[in-house]
Protein backbone atom coordinates (compact mmCIF):
# COMPACT_ATOMS: atom_id res chain seq x y z
CA MET A 1 39.57 -17.02 -1.21
CA LYS A 2 41.12 -16.56 -4.93
CA PHE A 3 41.35 -20.32 -5.18
CA PHE A 4 37.54 -21.28 -4.93
CA ALA A 5 36.93 -18.02 -7.43
CA LYS A 6 39.10 -20.27 -10.05
CA TYR A 7 37.11 -23.19 -9.19
CA PHE A 8 34.15 -21.84 -9.71
CA CYS A 9 35.02 -20.06 -12.86
CA LYS A 10 37.32 -22.96 -14.15
CA SER A 11 33.66 -25.30 -13.19
CA ALA A 12 31.08 -22.66 -14.68
CA LEU A 13 32.85 -22.61 -17.88
CA SER A 14 32.98 -26.43 -18.27
CA MET A 15 29.27 -25.77 -18.54
CA LYS A 16 30.00 -22.83 -21.30
CA SER A 17 25.87 -23.75 -23.36
CA ASN A 18 24.34 -22.84 -19.78
CA ILE A 19 26.83 -19.81 -18.96
CA ILE A 20 25.83 -18.46 -22.73
CA ILE A 21 22.21 -18.72 -22.05
CA LEU A 22 22.41 -17.90 -18.71
CA PHE A 23 24.24 -14.24 -20.15
CA LEU A 24 21.54 -14.32 -23.18
CA LEU A 25 18.88 -14.13 -20.65
CA SER A 26 20.27 -11.46 -18.79
CA LEU A 27 21.14 -9.52 -22.05
CA LEU A 28 17.86 -10.04 -23.26
CA SER A 29 15.86 -8.83 -20.06
CA SER A 30 17.99 -5.82 -20.10
CA PHE A 31 17.88 -5.05 -24.12
CA MET A 32 13.52 -5.52 -23.98
CA TYR A 33 13.55 -2.63 -21.72
CA PHE A 34 16.05 -0.19 -23.30
CA PHE A 35 15.00 -0.83 -26.35
CA VAL A 36 11.24 0.47 -25.61
CA GLN A 37 12.41 2.92 -23.12
CA ILE A 38 15.07 4.82 -24.81
CA SER A 39 12.81 5.98 -27.46
CA ILE A 40 10.66 7.15 -24.81
CA ASP A 41 12.61 9.12 -22.03
CA GLY A 42 14.49 11.52 -24.38
CA ASN A 43 10.72 12.67 -26.04
CA LEU A 44 9.07 13.31 -22.35
CA GLU A 45 11.52 15.05 -21.67
CA TYR A 46 11.25 17.27 -24.76
CA LEU A 47 7.03 17.33 -24.78
CA ASN A 48 7.12 18.36 -21.14
CA SER A 49 9.19 21.22 -21.80
CA LYS A 50 6.80 22.74 -23.83
CA PRO A 51 4.69 25.22 -22.65
CA VAL A 52 1.75 23.77 -25.27
CA LEU A 53 1.65 20.67 -27.22
CA THR A 54 -0.26 20.30 -30.70
CA ASN A 55 -3.48 17.50 -31.07
CA ILE A 56 -0.64 15.69 -32.51
CA GLU A 57 1.95 15.85 -29.58
CA LYS A 58 -0.70 15.33 -26.72
CA GLU A 59 -1.75 11.54 -28.87
CA PHE A 60 2.23 10.99 -28.77
CA LEU A 61 2.66 11.67 -25.29
CA ILE A 62 -0.04 9.17 -23.95
CA SER A 63 1.02 6.84 -26.48
CA LEU A 64 4.62 7.25 -24.67
CA GLN A 65 2.85 7.01 -21.48
CA SER A 66 1.24 3.38 -22.27
CA ASN A 67 4.64 2.23 -23.90
CA GLN A 68 6.40 2.87 -20.27
CA THR A 69 3.77 0.71 -18.79
CA LEU A 70 4.61 -1.91 -21.23
CA ALA A 71 8.34 -1.46 -20.73
CA ILE A 72 7.93 -1.85 -16.81
CA THR A 73 5.39 -4.58 -17.56
CA PHE A 74 8.25 -6.73 -19.63
CA LEU A 75 11.05 -5.71 -17.24
CA VAL A 76 9.27 -7.48 -14.87
CA MET A 77 8.11 -10.56 -16.15
CA LEU A 78 11.16 -11.18 -17.83
CA THR A 79 13.26 -10.31 -14.50
CA LEU A 80 11.18 -13.26 -12.97
CA ILE A 81 12.05 -15.89 -15.68
CA THR A 82 15.55 -15.24 -15.31
CA VAL A 83 15.28 -15.53 -11.84
CA PHE A 84 13.87 -19.18 -12.09
CA VAL A 85 16.10 -19.77 -14.94
CA TYR A 86 19.15 -18.80 -12.35
CA PHE A 87 18.01 -20.44 -9.66
CA MET A 88 17.43 -23.48 -11.64
CA PHE A 89 20.78 -23.33 -12.73
CA TYR A 90 23.00 -22.75 -9.13
CA LYS A 91 20.76 -25.88 -7.69
CA LYS A 92 21.87 -28.11 -10.69
CA TYR A 93 25.38 -26.83 -9.74
CA CYS A 94 25.34 -27.30 -6.09
CA SER A 95 23.80 -30.52 -7.11
CA LEU A 96 26.25 -31.68 -9.39
CA HIS A 97 29.71 -30.17 -7.74
CA GLN A 98 28.76 -31.30 -3.67
CA LYS A 99 31.70 -33.34 -3.27
CA GLU A 100 34.16 -30.53 -4.51
CA LEU A 101 32.16 -27.96 -2.41
CA GLY A 102 32.27 -30.40 0.88
CA CYS A 103 36.55 -30.28 0.23
CA TYR A 104 36.46 -26.43 0.35
CA ILE A 105 34.07 -26.22 3.88
CA ALA A 106 36.61 -29.58 5.42
CA LEU A 107 39.32 -26.48 4.53
CA GLY A 108 37.85 -23.88 6.52
CA TYR A 109 35.73 -22.15 3.75
CA SER A 110 32.16 -21.02 5.03
CA THR A 111 29.43 -21.66 2.73
CA LYS A 112 28.24 -17.79 3.23
CA LYS A 113 31.77 -16.88 2.06
CA MET A 114 31.76 -19.33 -1.49
CA ALA A 115 28.23 -17.87 -1.80
CA LEU A 116 29.16 -14.31 -1.74
CA ILE A 117 32.20 -15.13 -4.50
CA ILE A 118 29.72 -16.79 -6.72
CA LEU A 119 27.32 -13.59 -6.18
CA LEU A 120 29.89 -11.23 -6.95
CA ILE A 121 31.06 -13.22 -10.11
CA SER A 122 27.53 -13.10 -11.51
CA ILE A 123 26.80 -9.59 -10.82
CA ILE A 124 29.83 -9.28 -12.69
CA LEU A 125 28.44 -11.27 -15.22
CA ASN A 126 25.15 -9.67 -15.22
CA PHE A 127 26.53 -6.31 -15.53
CA ILE A 128 28.20 -7.01 -18.25
CA ALA A 129 25.13 -8.57 -19.87
CA ASN A 130 22.96 -4.83 -18.55
CA ILE A 131 25.75 -2.73 -20.58
CA CYS A 132 25.51 -4.68 -23.71
CA GLY A 133 21.58 -4.60 -23.76
CA LEU A 134 22.06 -0.73 -23.15
CA CYS A 135 23.94 -0.64 -26.15
CA LEU A 136 22.07 -2.58 -28.15
CA GLY A 137 18.62 -1.16 -27.36
CA TRP A 138 20.19 1.99 -27.72
CA ILE A 139 20.76 0.85 -31.47
CA GLY A 140 17.30 -1.01 -31.81
CA SER A 141 15.63 1.79 -30.47
CA ASP A 142 16.08 3.81 -34.08
CA VAL A 143 13.03 1.05 -34.66
CA MET A 144 10.92 2.51 -32.15
CA LEU A 145 11.25 6.01 -33.04
CA GLY A 146 11.02 5.05 -36.94
CA LEU A 147 7.70 3.77 -35.80
CA TYR A 148 6.55 7.11 -33.99
CA ASN A 149 7.60 8.84 -36.94
CA ASP A 150 5.39 6.74 -39.11
CA VAL A 151 2.25 7.00 -37.05
CA TYR A 152 2.48 10.64 -35.49
CA SER A 153 4.96 12.38 -38.50
CA LEU A 154 6.95 14.59 -35.72
CA GLU A 155 10.58 15.87 -36.77
CA HIS A 156 11.68 16.16 -33.13
CA LEU A 157 12.05 12.88 -31.92
CA VAL A 158 15.09 11.76 -29.80
CA LYS A 159 16.95 9.41 -27.83
CA GLY A 160 17.22 9.05 -24.02
CA ILE A 161 17.05 7.01 -20.88
CA TYR A 162 16.55 8.56 -17.42
CA ILE A 163 19.18 7.80 -14.34
CA GLN A 164 16.27 6.55 -12.58
CA ASN A 165 14.75 4.55 -15.04
CA TYR A 166 18.89 2.75 -16.05
CA SER A 167 19.21 2.27 -12.24
CA THR A 168 15.50 0.26 -12.12
CA ALA A 169 17.08 -2.17 -15.34
CA LEU A 170 20.13 -2.41 -13.45
CA LEU A 171 19.12 -3.48 -10.06
CA SER A 172 16.49 -5.69 -11.98
CA SER A 173 19.33 -6.98 -13.32
CA PHE A 174 21.19 -8.20 -10.39
CA LEU A 175 18.41 -9.89 -8.89
CA PRO A 176 18.96 -13.27 -10.48
CA ALA A 177 22.24 -13.30 -8.84
CA ILE A 178 21.12 -13.53 -5.58
CA SER A 179 18.97 -16.48 -5.83
CA VAL A 180 22.39 -18.52 -5.19
CA MET A 181 22.38 -17.21 -1.23
CA ILE A 182 18.70 -18.93 -1.02
CA ILE A 183 20.80 -22.21 -2.36
CA PHE A 184 24.03 -21.80 -0.42
CA GLU A 185 21.58 -20.61 2.84
CA LYS A 186 19.88 -24.43 2.27
CA MET A 187 23.21 -25.86 2.20
CA ASN A 188 24.85 -24.09 5.22
CA LYS A 189 22.31 -26.23 7.66
CA LYS A 190 24.19 -29.70 5.96
CA ASP A 191 27.09 -30.97 7.98
CA THR A 192 30.50 -31.54 5.75
CA ILE A 193 30.29 -35.38 5.91
CA ASP A 194 27.02 -34.65 3.93
CA PHE A 195 29.06 -33.65 1.18
CA LEU A 196 32.03 -35.34 1.07
CA ASN A 197 29.69 -38.77 1.16
CA ALA A 198 27.84 -37.17 -1.50
CA ASN A 199 28.05 -38.41 -5.28
CA ASN A 200 27.89 -36.20 -8.16
CA ASN A 201 24.66 -37.36 -8.80
CA MET A 202 23.40 -37.73 -5.35
CA ASN A 203 20.92 -40.52 -6.77
CA THR A 204 23.25 -42.52 -8.79
CA PHE A 205 22.12 -45.95 -8.96
CA HIS A 206 24.40 -49.10 -8.09
CA VAL A 207 24.93 -51.58 -10.23
CA GLY A 208 23.28 -54.22 -7.93
CA MET A 209 19.75 -52.36 -8.68
CA PHE A 210 20.37 -52.15 -12.51
CA SER A 211 20.39 -55.45 -11.95
CA GLN A 212 17.73 -56.26 -9.52
CA ILE A 213 15.56 -54.06 -12.55
CA LEU A 214 16.53 -56.19 -15.94
CA SER A 215 13.52 -58.43 -16.04
CA LYS A 216 11.23 -54.80 -15.80
CA PHE A 217 13.41 -52.65 -18.53
CA SER A 218 9.98 -51.53 -19.93
CA SER A 219 9.03 -50.08 -16.97
CA PHE A 220 11.66 -48.70 -15.48
CA SER A 221 12.61 -45.31 -17.53
CA MET A 222 9.43 -44.08 -16.69
CA ARG A 223 10.17 -44.89 -12.94
CA LEU A 224 13.90 -43.45 -13.11
CA ALA A 225 12.44 -40.03 -14.37
CA LEU A 226 9.57 -39.71 -11.66
CA ARG A 227 12.09 -40.67 -8.82
CA LYS A 228 13.09 -36.82 -8.73
CA PRO A 229 10.03 -34.93 -8.44
CA PHE A 230 11.77 -31.66 -8.66
CA GLN A 231 13.05 -32.23 -11.54
CA ILE A 232 9.68 -33.03 -13.09
CA PHE A 233 8.57 -29.62 -11.43
CA ILE A 234 10.86 -27.67 -13.27
CA SER A 235 10.53 -29.18 -16.50
CA ILE A 236 7.00 -28.89 -16.41
CA LEU A 237 7.16 -25.03 -15.44
CA SER A 238 9.41 -24.86 -18.16
CA VAL A 239 7.17 -25.98 -20.41
CA TRP A 240 4.34 -23.81 -18.86
CA ILE A 241 6.28 -20.70 -19.53
CA PHE A 242 7.53 -21.88 -22.15
CA ALA A 243 4.03 -22.42 -23.95
CA ILE A 244 2.67 -18.95 -22.40
CA LEU A 245 5.52 -16.90 -23.91
CA PHE A 246 5.01 -18.39 -27.19
CA ILE A 247 1.23 -18.07 -26.85
CA MET A 248 1.34 -14.30 -25.82
CA SER A 249 3.69 -13.29 -28.65
CA PHE A 250 1.29 -14.53 -30.65
CA SER A 251 -1.68 -13.28 -29.64
CA LEU A 252 -0.15 -10.05 -30.19
CA ASN A 253 0.82 -10.48 -33.79
CA LEU A 254 -3.26 -11.59 -34.30
CA SER A 255 -4.59 -8.94 -32.04
CA SER A 256 -3.31 -6.36 -34.36
CA GLN A 257 -4.64 -7.67 -37.90
CA TYR A 258 -8.18 -8.39 -35.61
CA ILE A 259 -8.30 -4.66 -34.81
CA PHE A 260 -7.55 -4.05 -38.33
CA ASP A 261 -10.77 -5.95 -40.06
CA THR A 262 -13.03 -5.44 -37.20
CA GLN A 263 -12.92 -1.60 -37.31
CA SER A 264 -12.90 -1.83 -41.04
CA HIS A 265 -16.31 -3.65 -41.15
CA GLY A 266 -19.63 -2.74 -41.51
CA ARG A 267 -18.53 1.25 -42.35
CA ASN A 268 -19.65 1.94 -45.78
CA TYR A 269 -19.53 5.49 -45.61
CA GLN A 270 -16.67 7.55 -47.52
CA TYR A 271 -17.16 11.02 -44.76
CA ASP A 272 -17.62 11.11 -40.98
CA VAL A 273 -18.62 14.56 -40.53
CA SER A 274 -18.88 16.00 -36.67
CA TYR A 275 -20.14 19.18 -35.25
CA PRO A 276 -19.16 21.12 -32.40
CA VAL A 277 -22.92 21.97 -31.55
CA TYR A 278 -25.47 20.45 -32.34
CA GLN A 279 -27.48 20.68 -35.96
CA THR A 280 -30.74 20.39 -37.29
CA VAL A 281 -31.48 18.00 -40.07
CA HIS A 282 -30.88 19.17 -43.29
CA GLN A 283 -33.68 19.08 -46.06
CA ASP A 284 -31.68 16.53 -48.39
CA TYR A 285 -32.52 13.67 -45.58
CA GLU A 286 -31.59 10.58 -47.91
CA LYS A 287 -27.89 11.64 -48.71
CA PHE A 288 -27.11 11.27 -44.73
CA GLU A 289 -27.23 8.88 -42.45
CA TYR A 290 -27.27 11.45 -38.71
CA TYR A 291 -25.90 10.33 -35.45
CA ILE A 292 -25.67 11.78 -31.71
CA LYS A 293 -22.55 11.33 -29.79
CA GLU A 294 -21.84 12.03 -26.10
CA ASN A 295 -19.05 11.69 -24.01
CA ILE A 296 -20.66 9.48 -20.47
CA LYS A 297 -19.33 7.79 -17.62
CA VAL A 298 -20.17 4.18 -17.52
CA GLU A 299 -20.87 2.32 -14.23
CA SER A 300 -20.43 -1.54 -14.13
CA ASN A 301 -19.56 -3.94 -11.46
CA GLY A 302 -18.31 -1.06 -9.29
CA LYS A 303 -16.24 0.36 -11.79
CA LYS A 304 -16.66 3.81 -13.19
CA ILE A 305 -15.43 4.07 -17.09
CA ASN A 306 -15.09 7.15 -18.91
CA GLY A 307 -16.49 6.31 -22.66
CA SER A 308 -19.27 7.69 -25.17
CA ILE A 309 -22.66 7.18 -26.26
CA MET A 310 -23.92 7.32 -29.58
CA GLY A 311 -27.02 7.02 -31.34
CA ILE A 312 -27.27 5.81 -34.48
CA GLU A 313 -29.79 4.89 -37.40
CA ASN A 314 -29.04 1.98 -40.03
CA SER A 315 -31.67 2.00 -42.05
CA LYS A 316 -29.74 3.51 -44.97
CA GLY A 317 -26.60 0.59 -43.80
CA LEU A 318 -24.01 3.33 -43.88
CA PHE A 319 -23.04 2.09 -40.85
CA PHE A 320 -24.19 -0.88 -38.91
CA LEU A 321 -23.02 -2.88 -36.12
CA THR A 322 -21.96 -6.96 -35.88
CA ASP A 323 -22.49 -8.90 -33.31
CA GLU A 324 -19.19 -11.65 -31.81
CA ARG A 325 -20.55 -13.92 -34.70
CA GLY A 326 -20.46 -10.98 -37.41
CA SER A 327 -24.20 -10.77 -37.80
CA GLN A 328 -25.80 -7.58 -38.38
CA ILE A 329 -27.47 -6.26 -35.19
CA GLU A 330 -30.63 -4.56 -35.85
CA ASN A 331 -33.12 -2.55 -33.87
CA ILE A 332 -32.12 -1.73 -30.85
CA PRO A 333 -35.18 -1.32 -28.37
CA THR A 334 -35.98 1.37 -26.20
CA ASN A 335 -33.12 1.75 -23.01
CA ASN A 336 -31.00 -0.95 -24.42
CA VAL A 337 -27.72 -0.43 -25.52
CA VAL A 338 -25.05 -2.49 -27.59
CA VAL A 339 -21.41 -1.82 -25.80
CA SER A 340 -18.17 -2.15 -27.41
CA GLU A 341 -16.34 -5.60 -27.21
CA ALA A 342 -13.72 -3.38 -25.62
CA LEU A 343 -15.96 -2.70 -22.56
CA ALA A 344 -17.41 -6.62 -22.49
CA ASP A 345 -14.02 -7.67 -22.02
CA LEU A 346 -12.14 -5.57 -20.04
CA TYR A 347 -14.97 -5.01 -17.67
CA ASP A 348 -16.88 -8.51 -17.46
CA ILE A 349 -20.27 -6.65 -19.05
CA GLN A 350 -22.25 -9.20 -20.33
CA LYS A 351 -25.18 -9.28 -22.66
CA GLY A 352 -28.41 -9.20 -20.78
CA THR A 353 -27.08 -7.45 -17.72
CA ASP A 354 -27.59 -3.90 -16.87
CA ILE A 355 -24.95 -1.10 -16.99
CA THR A 356 -25.60 2.47 -15.71
CA VAL A 357 -24.35 5.41 -17.40
CA ARG A 358 -24.09 9.24 -16.42
CA LEU A 359 -24.58 11.54 -18.79
CA ASN A 360 -25.47 15.44 -18.33
CA ASN A 361 -25.24 14.73 -14.70
CA ILE A 362 -28.19 12.39 -15.05
CA GLU A 363 -27.92 8.16 -14.08
CA LYS A 364 -29.57 6.03 -16.43
CA SER A 365 -29.83 2.32 -16.33
CA LEU A 366 -29.97 0.74 -19.53
CA HIS A 367 -29.75 -3.18 -20.36
CA VAL A 368 -27.12 -4.47 -22.45
CA TYR A 369 -28.94 -5.70 -25.87
CA ASN A 370 -25.91 -6.94 -27.54
CA ILE A 371 -22.15 -7.08 -27.50
CA ALA A 372 -20.52 -5.14 -31.20
CA GLN A 373 -17.11 -6.36 -32.34
CA ASN A 374 -16.54 -3.52 -34.39
CA ALA A 375 -17.46 -0.74 -31.81
CA ASP A 376 -15.57 2.10 -31.24
CA ASN A 377 -13.30 1.26 -27.88
CA TYR A 378 -14.97 1.87 -24.33
CA SER A 379 -18.25 3.21 -26.50
CA VAL A 380 -21.48 2.95 -26.03
CA TYR A 381 -24.87 2.13 -29.12
CA THR A 382 -28.39 2.95 -29.15
CA SER A 383 -31.11 3.89 -31.37
CA LYS A 384 -31.03 7.66 -32.40
CA SER A 385 -34.25 8.29 -31.02
CA ASN A 386 -33.69 6.71 -27.02
CA LEU A 387 -30.46 9.24 -26.86
CA GLU A 388 -32.56 11.99 -27.98
CA LYS A 389 -35.24 11.09 -25.31
CA LEU A 390 -32.15 10.58 -23.14
CA LEU A 391 -30.43 14.10 -23.80
CA ASN A 392 -34.23 15.67 -23.72
CA ILE A 393 -33.72 17.43 -27.00
CA SER A 394 -35.56 17.12 -30.42
CA GLN A 395 -35.95 14.46 -32.60
CA ASP A 396 -34.27 16.48 -35.17
CA SER A 397 -31.13 17.07 -33.59
CA TYR A 398 -27.56 15.56 -34.47
CA ASN A 399 -23.88 16.38 -34.04
CA GLY A 400 -22.23 13.80 -37.22
CA ILE A 401 -23.19 12.41 -40.10
CA TYR A 402 -22.30 9.28 -42.13
CA THR A 403 -22.02 10.03 -46.36
CA ASN A 404 -20.81 8.99 -49.66
CA SER A 405 -21.02 12.48 -50.78
CA ILE A 406 -18.92 15.60 -49.85
CA THR A 407 -21.10 18.06 -51.29
CA ASP A 408 -24.21 20.36 -49.76
CA ILE A 409 -23.07 19.12 -46.47
CA PRO A 410 -24.97 21.73 -44.11
CA GLU A 411 -22.80 24.54 -41.79
CA ILE A 412 -19.57 22.79 -43.40
CA GLY A 413 -17.17 25.95 -42.17
CA THR A 414 -17.54 24.71 -38.65
CA ALA A 415 -17.81 20.72 -39.57
CA HIS A 416 -14.60 18.34 -38.80
CA ILE A 417 -14.77 16.05 -42.04
CA GLN A 418 -12.80 12.83 -41.67
CA ASN A 419 -12.66 10.60 -45.06
CA THR A 420 -12.68 6.06 -45.34
CA SER A 421 -9.27 6.69 -46.61
CA GLU A 422 -7.64 8.59 -43.73
CA ARG A 423 -9.53 6.79 -41.65
CA ILE A 424 -8.04 3.38 -43.19
CA ALA A 425 -4.57 4.89 -43.18
CA LYS A 426 -4.29 5.27 -39.60
CA LEU A 427 -5.46 2.27 -38.87
CA GLU A 428 -3.20 0.55 -41.14
CA GLU A 429 -0.58 2.69 -39.61
CA ASN A 430 -1.65 1.92 -36.22
CA ASN A 431 -1.25 -2.05 -37.15
CA VAL A 432 1.94 -2.01 -38.93
CA SER A 433 3.24 -0.33 -35.61
CA ASN A 434 1.17 -2.66 -33.65
CA ARG A 435 2.40 -5.80 -35.99
CA THR A 436 6.18 -4.38 -35.80
CA SER A 437 6.02 -4.46 -32.39
CA ALA A 438 4.41 -7.57 -31.31
CA VAL A 439 7.28 -9.19 -33.96
CA ILE A 440 9.95 -7.62 -31.95
CA CYS A 441 8.61 -9.02 -29.04
CA GLN A 442 7.36 -12.31 -30.73
CA ILE A 443 10.88 -13.14 -31.86
CA LEU A 444 12.23 -12.36 -28.34
CA GLY A 445 9.33 -14.13 -26.16
CA CYS A 446 10.23 -17.10 -29.03
CA VAL A 447 13.95 -16.52 -27.98
CA ILE A 448 13.55 -16.67 -24.28
CA GLY A 449 11.36 -19.46 -24.00
CA CYS A 450 13.45 -21.92 -26.49
CA LEU A 451 16.42 -20.81 -24.24
CA LEU A 452 14.82 -21.53 -21.14
CA LEU A 453 13.43 -25.03 -22.17
CA TYR A 454 16.92 -26.11 -23.68
CA LEU A 455 18.98 -24.85 -20.58
CA THR A 456 15.85 -27.25 -18.27
CA ILE A 457 16.07 -30.16 -20.49
CA LEU A 458 20.02 -29.95 -20.71
CA LEU A 459 20.82 -29.48 -17.03
CA LYS A 460 18.97 -32.86 -16.59
CA PHE A 461 20.68 -34.83 -19.17
CA GLN A 462 24.06 -33.34 -17.92
CA GLU A 463 22.85 -35.05 -14.52
CA ASP A 464 22.44 -38.06 -16.05
CA THR A 465 25.61 -38.44 -17.97
CA LYS A 466 27.48 -40.58 -15.31
CA ASN A 467 24.35 -43.22 -15.21
CA ILE A 468 25.07 -43.01 -18.94
CA PHE A 469 28.61 -43.82 -18.84
CA ILE A 470 27.57 -47.17 -16.41
CA LEU A 471 25.10 -48.00 -18.12
CA ASP A 472 27.42 -47.86 -21.37
CA MET A 473 29.83 -49.55 -19.42
CA MET A 474 27.54 -52.66 -18.42
CA GLY A 475 26.86 -53.28 -22.16
CA TYR A 476 24.18 -51.58 -22.94
CA THR A 477 22.97 -50.35 -26.10
CA ALA A 478 23.09 -47.01 -27.04
CA LYS A 479 19.11 -47.66 -27.85
CA LYS A 480 18.11 -48.41 -24.32
CA ILE A 481 20.34 -46.27 -22.90
CA ASN A 482 18.15 -43.41 -24.92
CA LYS A 483 15.01 -44.97 -24.01
CA MET A 484 15.94 -44.97 -19.92
CA PHE A 485 17.44 -41.57 -19.84
CA ILE A 486 16.92 -39.07 -22.87
CA SER A 487 13.64 -40.07 -24.49
CA VAL A 488 11.66 -40.83 -21.52
CA TYR A 489 10.99 -37.01 -20.86
CA ARG A 490 9.41 -36.36 -24.74
CA PRO A 491 5.70 -37.76 -23.30
CA ILE A 492 6.39 -35.87 -20.07
CA LEU A 493 6.71 -32.46 -21.40
CA ASN A 494 3.70 -33.01 -24.19
CA ILE A 495 1.54 -34.60 -21.28
CA ALA A 496 2.18 -31.08 -19.28
CA PHE A 497 1.80 -28.63 -22.89
CA ILE A 498 -1.65 -30.48 -23.27
CA ILE A 499 -2.42 -30.14 -19.47
CA LEU A 500 -1.45 -26.65 -19.12
CA LEU A 501 -2.79 -25.10 -22.32
CA ILE A 502 -5.83 -23.87 -20.33
CA PRO A 503 -4.34 -22.33 -17.75
CA SER A 504 -1.77 -20.98 -19.92
CA ILE A 505 -4.29 -19.54 -22.33
CA GLU A 506 -5.82 -17.88 -19.67
CA ILE A 507 -2.86 -16.31 -18.15
CA CYS A 508 -2.33 -14.63 -21.63
CA LYS A 509 -6.11 -13.52 -21.54
CA LEU A 510 -5.39 -11.71 -17.80
CA ILE A 511 -2.20 -10.22 -19.29
CA HIS A 512 -3.72 -8.81 -22.53
CA LYS A 513 -6.23 -7.62 -20.26
CA SER A 514 -3.96 -5.81 -17.67
CA LEU A 515 -1.96 -4.28 -20.77
CA SER A 516 -5.11 -2.98 -22.10
CA LEU A 517 -6.20 -1.69 -18.81
CA SER A 518 -2.98 0.19 -18.26
CA THR A 519 -2.43 1.57 -21.12
CA ASN A 520 -5.91 2.68 -22.43
CA ASP A 521 -5.74 1.21 -25.63
CA TYR A 522 -7.51 -1.94 -26.46
CA ILE A 523 -5.98 -5.83 -26.85
CA PRO A 524 -7.75 -8.26 -27.37
CA PHE A 525 -6.53 -12.04 -26.99
CA GLN A 526 -6.35 -14.26 -30.43
CA CYS A 527 -5.30 -17.58 -30.52
CA ASN A 528 -6.65 -20.19 -33.35
CA ILE A 529 -5.73 -24.07 -33.09
CA PHE A 530 -2.73 -23.57 -35.47
CA VAL A 531 -0.80 -21.52 -33.23
CA ILE A 532 -1.25 -24.08 -30.95
CA LEU A 533 -0.01 -27.16 -33.22
CA PHE A 534 2.48 -24.68 -33.71
CA ILE A 535 3.98 -24.60 -30.64
CA PHE A 536 3.65 -28.32 -29.81
CA ILE A 537 5.59 -28.97 -33.13
CA LEU A 538 8.09 -26.49 -31.94
CA LEU A 539 8.40 -28.13 -28.65
CA ASN A 540 8.98 -31.64 -30.08
CA LEU A 541 11.39 -30.22 -32.66
CA LEU A 542 13.60 -28.44 -29.73
CA TYR A 543 13.42 -31.46 -27.66
CA THR A 544 14.96 -33.24 -30.38
CA ILE A 545 17.91 -30.94 -31.25
CA ILE A 546 18.27 -30.78 -27.42
CA LYS A 547 18.65 -34.45 -27.68
CA PHE A 548 20.35 -34.96 -30.87
CA LEU A 549 23.20 -32.47 -29.51
CA PHE A 550 23.64 -34.67 -26.06
CA ASN A 551 24.29 -37.69 -27.91
CA SER A 552 26.88 -36.72 -30.32
CA ARG A 553 28.55 -34.89 -26.64
CA ILE A 554 28.20 -38.98 -25.35
CA SER A 555 29.20 -39.97 -28.70
CA ARG A 556 32.44 -37.77 -28.82
CA ILE A 557 33.81 -38.55 -25.18
CA GLN A 558 32.85 -42.19 -26.14
CA LYS A 559 35.19 -42.33 -28.94
CA LYS A 560 37.76 -40.00 -27.15
CA ASP A 561 38.00 -42.89 -24.40
CA ILE A 562 37.54 -40.49 -21.56
CA THR A 563 34.95 -41.66 -20.18
CA LEU A 564 36.84 -42.45 -16.33
CA ARG A 565 36.90 -38.78 -16.32
CA TYR A 566 33.18 -38.37 -15.63
CA LEU A 567 33.08 -41.08 -13.31
CA SER A 568 35.26 -40.52 -11.43
C-alpha cells in the first residue's frame, strides 16, 4: 500500500494551501483548549490539596471551575468546525481524483484500505498539530496566569495539565480525520467503471454545450453556479459559521465594557457599609441611605435560582435603579419587585409577570414591576418598607448603608466597608481580564472564520480550474471567465449573509446564555450595526483577496504554457 500512500501525499501536497489550512485549524483547536486548561489544572490541584482556603482562594477556585467549562465549550465548538472542514476537503479531494482512485481500485486496492491509509496520514498530521498546540498553549497560558494574578493577587500560580484532559484534547483532534471513512464508505458502493469514466470534475461542461448557451450568456453564470446545490450549501454554511464566529467574538468584547458601564451607573455613594446582623436606624438619618439585603431562592418558569433581595430607599439619590432605556426606576409598589437584567435574560422573566421568592422558609408571590439594567447579578429589588413587612421586622431595621461620609458610621467595628474606588478597581480588573480573554477569543474566532471561508471558496475555484482553461482555449476573455466562474459567488455569499444574519444573532444569544448559566457569570449579548457592517465588509474583502490569488495562479499557469497538464 506504500504506492497509494506516496500518491496521496504527493497529490495532497499539490494542494498546499488546503493542507496548511487544515493543519492550522487543528492547531488552533488544540491551542485554544490548552491555552485555558493549562492555566487551570495546576492551580486546581494546588487548591484542592489545601485543607483551608481563604476567601480570595475560594473566588479563584470558582473562577477556575468556570473557565474549565469555557475550555470544554471551545474545544467542542472548534472540533465540530474542524470536522466539517475536513469532511468538506476529503469530499472535494475524492471528487477531483476519482479517475486516479478508480485506477487503484482496478489494480486491486480496496476503498477500505485506501481510507485507512488516508486516515493514518491525517492522524499523524493532527497529532503534530496537537503537539504544536500544546507547546503554544503552554507558552500562551502565561497570559491567563498574569490575568489571574492581576485580579486575585495570588503568589502561587502554576501551570499543569491532567493526563485525562490531554487525552480528551488528543482524541478530539483525531475526530476530523475519521470523516474520510464516511466519504470512502459512500464510494465503496460505486462500481470501478464509474470511477474510470468520471472526469476530474464530474460536472465538466462539453464544448458543444458552451456553444449552445452563448446567446444566453448573461444568465449562464448563475445557472452554472446553481448546478451544484451541495457546493452552494457548503458555501452558505461556511458564511453562516463565519458570521457566528465573528458576531460571537465581538459580542464577548463588547459585553465586558457593557457590564462595566452599567454597574458604574446609578451609584452616587462613596461607601457601601454592610453588617452581619440587623442594626437600628442611626439618629443622623440624613447622612445615610439604608438598605436591607437577604439571600433568597427565586422560582420562575419551573426553575429555582439562588439570589438575593434588597430593600432600598432612593430618597437621597445615593443609589437608584435604571431600566433598559437608562431611565430611573422610582416608587416600587407594594408586593412588586424589580429584577436584575441577568435574571430576566437568563431565566426568561418578563416585566409584568409574577415570580415566587422563598425568604426565611416562606414563599411569597411578587409581581415584576420592571427590569433593572444596573442591578447586581441575580438580585431582586423592592422598597425597604415592603421588605420589612415580608421579613416581619421593625421599620427602623437595616443591615447596610450607602453614604458619602465615613464619619459617624454606627457600629463601625462590626461593619464591612467597601469604598467606591475599591469597587471601581475591581470592575476595571474584571473588565481588563474579560476584555483580554475576549480579544484572544476574537482573534482566534476571526482567524478560524477566515480560514474556513477561504478554504471553501478556494476549493470551489480549484474545482472550476479545468473549465476555466477550456473557456480560455475557446477564446473567452478573462473578464467573461471571471464573471462566469468566480464573480458569480459574491452575490450568493452576500445574500446568504443577509438572510442568515438574524439566525446567527439568535445562535450567539443562545451561546452567551449557555456560557452564563454554566459559569454562573452573566455575559450579556452585545451587537450593533457597526459590527454587522464590519463583518459584511470583511466577508467581501476576503472574497476579493481569494479571487485575486486564484486569478494570479491561473495567469501564472497560462504564462508557463502548461495548461494542457490541467486538462489531461
